[in-house]
């Protein structure tokens, strides 16, 4: 009796060659795969740059065409990730994929979801949750700065999300660049608790927004400071318990005591 077919097996899909090729490109370590992964990373960063610049571009006549063009690229990237996955349902349940689908919806319906557009910058956080960015960093001499980079990305994402929120609900009536810069200025002074006071948000909603921004912002700054000043750790998977983070000179895993053979940074 033949074994039951795996519904996720690419051989049962109408395009087995395409799925296999995409899996090799997204998850492989060949020169072609690494070039492809680097190209997708650059495209993602350009898309994020577009999201940051959206408040300054939305009044231009060509903005809608740019918006739909970015939607097409994001849709193609999401479809490729689905095809490259061995378990589509599990991928669909991941928070980063749900976030990307929401971002795609804001791109396809900018008029109806205009007030949610500031959440697009969360794609920067979504990008930071993929292993590609960090696996590439670990191959360079800057691998010890991974924790700092993660903390910096979280802080940057928060700054631009709050800036977009403040601009959307408090400063949108002002001309594009002026209103956005004022929203950014308010966000930075509030997050750093500098609070010059020359730009404030009106009403109870504005005060509650300021309180929330200060509380979250301080915690993110503390996380960044800890990542910068605390002794760095190396990423090495323990063969016994799979603990990833260890002291650079660790001989045994602190979780299970298994003997480690962490390669030297110069190897």
Protein backbone atom coordinates (compact mmCIF):
# COMPACT_ATOMS: atom_id res chain seq x y z
CA UNK A 1 0.00 0.00 0.00
CA UNK A 2 1.41 3.37 -0.95
CA UNK A 3 1.99 6.04 1.70
CA UNK A 4 -0.50 8.84 2.05
CA UNK A 5 0.44 11.93 0.08
CA UNK A 6 1.66 14.94 1.98
CA UNK A 7 -0.59 17.88 1.10
CA UNK A 8 2.36 20.23 1.49
CA UNK A 9 4.64 18.21 -0.78
CA UNK A 10 5.64 20.22 -3.83
CA UNK A 11 5.21 17.17 -6.04
CA UNK A 12 1.44 17.43 -5.47
CA UNK A 13 1.42 21.08 -6.43
CA UNK A 14 0.78 22.27 -9.92
CA UNK A 15 4.18 24.00 -10.03
CA UNK A 16 6.66 21.71 -8.26
CA UNK A 17 9.64 23.22 -10.06
CA UNK A 18 8.68 26.76 -9.04
CA UNK A 19 8.15 25.82 -5.38
CA UNK A 20 11.46 23.96 -5.20
CA UNK A 21 13.28 26.84 -6.83
CA UNK A 22 11.75 29.38 -4.44
CA UNK A 23 12.63 27.23 -1.43
CA UNK A 24 16.23 27.08 -2.60
CA UNK A 25 16.32 30.85 -3.10
CA UNK A 26 14.67 31.76 0.21
CA UNK A 27 16.31 29.15 2.43
CA UNK A 28 19.47 28.08 0.59
CA UNK A 29 23.07 29.15 1.09
CA UNK A 30 24.28 28.96 -2.50
CA UNK A 31 25.73 32.11 -4.11
CA UNK A 32 22.56 32.52 -6.19
CA UNK A 33 20.36 32.17 -3.10
CA UNK A 34 22.43 34.70 -1.14
CA UNK A 35 22.24 37.19 -4.00
CA UNK A 36 18.48 36.72 -4.17
CA UNK A 37 18.11 37.16 -0.41
CA UNK A 38 20.23 40.31 -0.50
CA UNK A 39 18.11 41.67 -3.36
CA UNK A 40 14.87 41.03 -1.44
CA UNK A 41 16.36 42.75 1.61
CA UNK A 42 17.22 45.85 -0.46
CA UNK A 43 13.71 45.91 -1.97
CA UNK A 44 12.18 45.64 1.52
CA UNK A 45 14.28 48.56 2.74
CA UNK A 46 13.19 50.66 -0.26
CA UNK A 47 9.55 49.83 0.49
CA UNK A 48 10.03 50.87 4.11
CA UNK A 49 11.57 54.13 2.87
CA UNK A 50 8.42 54.70 0.80
CA UNK A 51 6.27 54.11 3.89
CA UNK A 52 8.27 56.69 5.85
CA UNK A 53 7.93 59.23 3.04
CA UNK A 54 4.19 58.55 2.47
CA UNK A 55 2.90 61.58 4.45
CA UNK A 56 5.02 63.86 2.27
CA UNK A 57 3.94 62.17 -0.98
CA UNK A 58 0.24 61.52 -0.49
CA UNK A 59 -0.85 64.86 -1.99
CA UNK A 60 1.09 64.30 -5.21
CA UNK A 61 -0.94 63.15 -8.25
CA UNK A 62 1.35 60.16 -8.86
CA UNK A 63 1.09 58.88 -5.28
CA UNK A 64 -1.74 56.43 -5.96
CA UNK A 65 0.22 54.82 -8.80
CA UNK A 66 3.26 54.45 -6.55
CA UNK A 67 1.06 53.01 -3.82
CA UNK A 68 -0.38 50.35 -6.14
CA UNK A 69 3.05 49.55 -7.57
CA UNK A 70 4.36 48.90 -4.05
CA UNK A 71 1.23 46.81 -3.37
CA UNK A 72 2.07 44.67 -6.41
CA UNK A 73 5.62 44.09 -5.17
CA UNK A 74 4.43 43.24 -1.64
CA UNK A 75 1.76 40.88 -2.99
CA UNK A 76 4.33 39.10 -5.18
CA UNK A 77 6.71 38.77 -2.22
CA UNK A 78 3.98 37.34 0.02
CA UNK A 79 2.91 34.87 -2.67
CA UNK A 80 6.53 33.76 -3.14
CA UNK A 81 6.95 33.20 0.60
CA UNK A 82 3.79 31.08 0.64
CA UNK A 83 5.05 28.96 -2.24
CA UNK A 84 8.46 28.59 -0.62
CA UNK A 85 6.92 27.44 2.67
CA UNK A 86 6.55 23.75 3.47
CA UNK A 87 3.53 24.53 5.69
CA UNK A 88 1.36 27.36 4.38
CA UNK A 89 -1.15 27.23 7.22
CA UNK A 90 1.58 27.60 9.83
CA UNK A 91 3.06 30.52 7.90
CA UNK A 92 -0.38 32.15 7.69
CA UNK A 93 -0.73 32.00 11.48
CA UNK A 94 2.56 33.79 12.11
CA UNK A 95 2.18 37.39 13.40
CA UNK A 96 4.65 38.73 10.82
CA UNK A 97 2.63 37.27 7.94
CA UNK A 98 -0.65 38.60 9.35
CA UNK A 99 0.99 42.00 9.67
CA UNK A 100 2.23 41.89 6.08
CA UNK A 101 -1.26 40.97 4.87
CA UNK A 102 -2.69 43.94 6.77
CA UNK A 103 -0.06 46.21 5.23
CA UNK A 104 -1.02 44.88 1.79
CA UNK A 105 -4.66 45.76 2.54
CA UNK A 106 -3.69 49.36 3.39
CA UNK A 107 -1.85 49.57 0.07
CA UNK A 108 -4.75 48.19 -1.95
CA UNK A 109 -7.34 50.38 -0.23
CA UNK A 110 -5.51 53.58 0.82
CA UNK A 111 -8.68 55.70 0.76
CA UNK A 112 -10.59 53.44 3.17
CA UNK A 113 -7.66 52.57 5.45
CA UNK A 114 -5.94 55.95 5.37
CA UNK A 115 -5.98 56.34 9.15
CA UNK A 116 -4.21 52.97 9.55
CA UNK A 117 -1.45 53.80 7.07
CA UNK A 118 1.00 54.74 9.82
CA UNK A 119 1.12 51.05 10.81
CA UNK A 120 2.88 50.23 7.52
CA UNK A 121 6.22 51.07 9.11
CA UNK A 122 5.75 47.96 11.26
CA UNK A 123 7.08 46.11 8.23
CA UNK A 124 10.51 47.15 9.52
CA UNK A 125 9.82 45.12 12.67
CA UNK A 126 8.43 42.29 10.53
CA UNK A 127 11.61 42.31 8.48
CA UNK A 128 13.73 42.16 11.64
CA UNK A 129 11.93 38.99 12.75
CA UNK A 130 13.12 37.02 9.73
CA UNK A 131 16.28 35.01 10.07
CA UNK A 132 17.76 36.31 6.82
CA UNK A 133 18.92 39.67 8.17
CA UNK A 134 20.65 38.19 11.20
CA UNK A 135 22.14 35.17 9.43
CA UNK A 136 23.84 37.57 7.03
CA UNK A 137 25.06 39.77 9.89
CA UNK A 138 26.54 36.75 11.68
CA UNK A 139 28.76 36.11 8.67
CA UNK A 140 30.45 39.49 9.09
CA UNK A 141 32.79 40.96 11.69
CA UNK A 142 29.85 42.90 13.13
CA UNK A 143 28.09 39.79 14.46
CA UNK A 144 28.68 40.90 18.06
CA UNK A 145 26.40 43.88 17.43
CA UNK A 146 23.27 41.79 16.74
CA UNK A 147 21.60 42.63 20.07
CA UNK A 148 22.33 46.34 19.56
CA UNK A 149 20.93 46.22 16.02
CA UNK A 150 17.74 44.49 17.21
CA UNK A 151 17.21 47.06 19.96
CA UNK A 152 17.90 49.93 17.54
CA UNK A 153 15.40 48.55 14.99
CA UNK A 154 12.72 48.24 17.70
CA UNK A 155 13.33 51.83 18.82
CA UNK A 156 13.36 53.17 15.25
CA UNK A 157 10.15 51.31 14.43
CA UNK A 158 8.48 52.74 17.53
CA UNK A 159 9.61 56.27 16.69
CA UNK A 160 8.17 56.19 13.18
CA UNK A 161 4.95 54.40 14.19
CA UNK A 162 4.31 57.05 16.86
CA UNK A 163 5.27 59.82 14.45
CA UNK A 164 2.78 58.47 11.91
CA UNK A 165 0.08 58.16 14.56
CA UNK A 166 0.64 61.69 15.86
CA UNK A 167 0.71 63.09 12.32
CA UNK A 168 -2.47 61.22 11.31
CA UNK A 169 -4.58 62.24 14.30
CA UNK A 170 -3.12 65.61 15.33
CA UNK A 171 -1.13 67.26 12.52
CA UNK A 172 -2.64 66.07 9.23
CA UNK A 173 -4.38 69.41 8.68
CA UNK A 174 -0.99 71.09 8.29
CA UNK A 175 0.94 70.95 4.99
CA UNK A 176 2.71 67.61 4.40
CA UNK A 177 6.36 68.14 5.32
CA UNK A 178 5.70 70.75 8.01
CA UNK A 179 3.12 68.61 9.80
CA UNK A 180 5.25 65.46 9.60
CA UNK A 181 8.36 67.19 10.93
CA UNK A 182 6.37 68.63 13.84
CA UNK A 183 5.01 65.15 14.60
CA UNK A 184 8.54 63.72 14.49
CA UNK A 185 9.85 66.55 16.66
CA UNK A 186 7.13 65.96 19.24
CA UNK A 187 7.81 62.20 19.23
CA UNK A 188 11.56 62.53 19.73
CA UNK A 189 11.26 65.09 22.53
CA UNK A 190 8.61 62.99 24.27
CA UNK A 191 10.40 59.64 23.92
CA UNK A 192 13.63 61.16 25.26
CA UNK A 193 11.58 62.94 27.99
CA UNK A 194 13.26 66.19 26.95
CA UNK A 195 9.80 67.72 26.60
CA UNK A 196 10.60 71.23 25.40
CA UNK A 197 6.90 72.02 25.52
CA UNK A 198 6.75 74.17 22.39
CA UNK A 199 4.72 71.46 20.61
CA UNK A 200 2.06 69.61 22.64
CA UNK A 201 -0.98 67.50 21.81
CA UNK A 202 -4.38 68.99 22.72
CA UNK A 203 -6.97 67.49 24.99
CA UNK A 204 -7.10 64.40 27.18
CA UNK A 205 -6.31 62.14 24.21
CA UNK A 206 -3.14 64.13 23.57
CA UNK A 207 -2.00 63.88 27.18
CA UNK A 208 -2.67 60.13 27.30
CA UNK A 209 -0.74 59.71 24.05
CA UNK A 210 2.21 61.60 25.52
CA UNK A 211 2.19 59.45 28.66
CA UNK A 212 2.11 56.20 26.66
CA UNK A 213 4.92 57.39 24.36
CA UNK A 214 7.14 58.32 27.32
CA UNK A 215 6.60 55.02 29.15
CA UNK A 216 7.25 52.81 26.12
CA UNK A 217 10.04 55.04 24.82
CA UNK A 218 11.97 54.95 28.09
CA UNK A 219 11.81 51.14 28.18
CA UNK A 220 13.11 50.91 24.62
CA UNK A 221 15.96 53.31 25.40
CA UNK A 222 16.88 51.20 28.42
CA UNK A 223 16.90 48.07 26.27
CA UNK A 224 19.18 49.81 23.77
CA UNK A 225 21.53 50.99 26.51
CA UNK A 226 21.70 47.48 27.97
CA UNK A 227 22.54 46.04 24.56
CA UNK A 228 25.31 48.60 24.03
CA UNK A 229 27.01 48.41 27.42
CA UNK A 230 26.49 44.86 28.69
CA UNK A 231 29.06 42.19 27.73
CA UNK A 232 28.20 40.75 24.34
CA UNK A 233 27.24 37.13 23.83
CA UNK A 234 27.84 34.85 20.89
CA UNK A 235 25.20 32.95 18.93
CA UNK A 236 25.94 29.23 18.99
CA UNK A 237 23.35 26.47 19.23
CA UNK A 238 24.00 24.02 22.07
CA UNK A 239 23.87 20.46 20.65
CA UNK A 240 22.09 19.26 23.79
CA UNK A 241 19.41 21.85 24.64
CA UNK A 242 19.65 24.27 21.65
CA UNK A 243 20.32 27.34 23.82
CA UNK A 244 21.49 30.03 21.40
CA UNK A 245 23.23 32.72 23.46
CA UNK A 246 26.46 32.06 25.38
CA UNK A 247 29.38 33.96 26.83
CA UNK A 248 32.23 34.25 24.29
CA UNK A 249 34.58 32.15 26.45
CA UNK A 250 31.96 29.62 27.64
CA UNK A 251 33.17 26.00 27.86
CA UNK A 252 29.91 24.50 29.10
CA UNK A 253 26.30 25.44 28.38
CA UNK A 254 24.89 27.31 31.38
CA UNK A 255 21.48 25.68 30.84
CA UNK A 256 22.38 21.99 30.60
CA UNK A 257 26.14 21.81 31.21
CA UNK A 258 26.90 20.26 27.82
CA UNK A 259 30.46 20.72 26.56
CA UNK A 260 30.58 23.49 23.96
CA UNK A 261 32.99 24.01 21.10
CA UNK A 262 32.36 27.64 20.19
CA UNK A 263 34.63 28.67 17.29
CA UNK A 264 36.90 31.66 17.82
CA UNK A 265 35.77 34.89 16.21
CA UNK A 266 38.89 34.89 14.05
CA UNK A 267 38.28 31.37 12.71
